[in-house]
Amino acid sequence: RAIATRYDKTALSYQAMIDLATLTLWL
């Protein structure tokens, strides 16, 4: 369970990083 939570958190951070990069590219 803890591993799954950690994985979800990492995936969220990864997705946020991609969104931020895309936002920077668009700007």
N, C-alpha and C. Protein backbone atom coordinates (compact mmCIF):
# COMPACT_ATOMS: atom_id res chain seq x y z
N ARG A 1 0.84 -1.21 0.00
CA ARG A 1 0.00 0.00 0.00
C ARG A 1 0.88 1.26 0.00
N ALA A 2 1.87 1.26 0.84
CA ALA A 2 2.76 2.43 0.91
C ALA A 2 3.48 2.61 -0.42
N ILE A 3 3.88 1.50 -1.01
CA ILE A 3 4.59 1.58 -2.30
C ILE A 3 3.66 2.17 -3.36
N ALA A 4 2.41 1.75 -3.34
CA ALA A 4 1.44 2.25 -4.32
C ALA A 4 1.26 3.76 -4.14
N THR A 5 1.17 4.19 -2.89
CA THR A 5 1.00 5.62 -2.62
C THR A 5 2.21 6.39 -3.12
N ARG A 6 3.40 5.84 -2.86
CA ARG A 6 4.62 6.51 -3.29
C ARG A 6 4.66 6.58 -4.81
N TYR A 7 4.24 5.49 -5.45
CA TYR A 7 4.24 5.45 -6.91
C TYR A 7 3.26 6.49 -7.46
N ASP A 8 2.08 6.57 -6.84
CA ASP A 8 1.09 7.55 -7.28
C ASP A 8 1.64 8.96 -7.14
N LYS A 9 2.32 9.22 -6.03
CA LYS A 9 2.87 10.55 -5.79
C LYS A 9 3.93 10.87 -6.85
N THR A 10 4.76 9.87 -7.18
CA THR A 10 5.80 10.08 -8.18
C THR A 10 5.16 10.33 -9.54
N ALA A 11 4.13 9.56 -9.87
CA ALA A 11 3.45 9.72 -11.15
C ALA A 11 2.83 11.10 -11.22
N LEU A 12 2.27 11.56 -10.10
CA LEU A 12 1.66 12.89 -10.07
C LEU A 12 2.72 13.96 -10.31
N SER A 13 3.86 13.81 -9.65
CA SER A 13 4.93 14.79 -9.82
C SER A 13 5.41 14.78 -11.27
N TYR A 14 5.52 13.58 -11.86
CA TYR A 14 5.96 13.45 -13.24
C TYR A 14 4.98 14.15 -14.17
N GLN A 15 3.70 13.92 -13.94
CA GLN A 15 2.66 14.55 -14.77
C GLN A 15 2.71 16.07 -14.60
N ALA A 16 2.89 16.53 -13.38
CA ALA A 16 2.96 17.96 -13.12
C ALA A 16 4.16 18.57 -13.84
N MET A 17 5.29 17.86 -13.83
CA MET A 17 6.49 18.34 -14.50
C MET A 17 6.23 18.48 -16.00
N ILE A 18 5.55 17.49 -16.59
CA ILE A 18 5.23 17.53 -18.02
C ILE A 18 4.31 18.71 -18.31
N ASP A 19 3.30 18.89 -17.47
CA ASP A 19 2.37 20.00 -17.67
C ASP A 19 3.13 21.33 -17.60
N LEU A 20 4.03 21.44 -16.64
CA LEU A 20 4.80 22.67 -16.49
C LEU A 20 5.65 22.91 -17.74
N ALA A 21 6.29 21.86 -18.24
CA ALA A 21 7.13 21.99 -19.44
C ALA A 21 6.28 22.41 -20.63
N THR A 22 5.11 21.80 -20.78
CA THR A 22 4.23 22.15 -21.89
C THR A 22 3.78 23.59 -21.76
N LEU A 23 3.47 24.00 -20.54
CA LEU A 23 3.05 25.38 -20.32
C LEU A 23 4.17 26.35 -20.72
N THR A 24 5.39 26.02 -20.33
CA THR A 24 6.53 26.88 -20.67
C THR A 24 6.72 26.95 -22.17
N LEU A 25 6.54 25.81 -22.85
CA LEU A 25 6.69 25.79 -24.31
C LEU A 25 5.63 26.67 -24.96
N TRP A 26 4.41 26.59 -24.48
CA TRP A 26 3.32 27.38 -25.05
C TRP A 26 3.54 28.86 -24.79
N LEU A 27 4.09 29.18 -23.62
CA LEU A 27 4.34 30.59 -23.32
C LEU A 27 5.54 31.08 -24.13
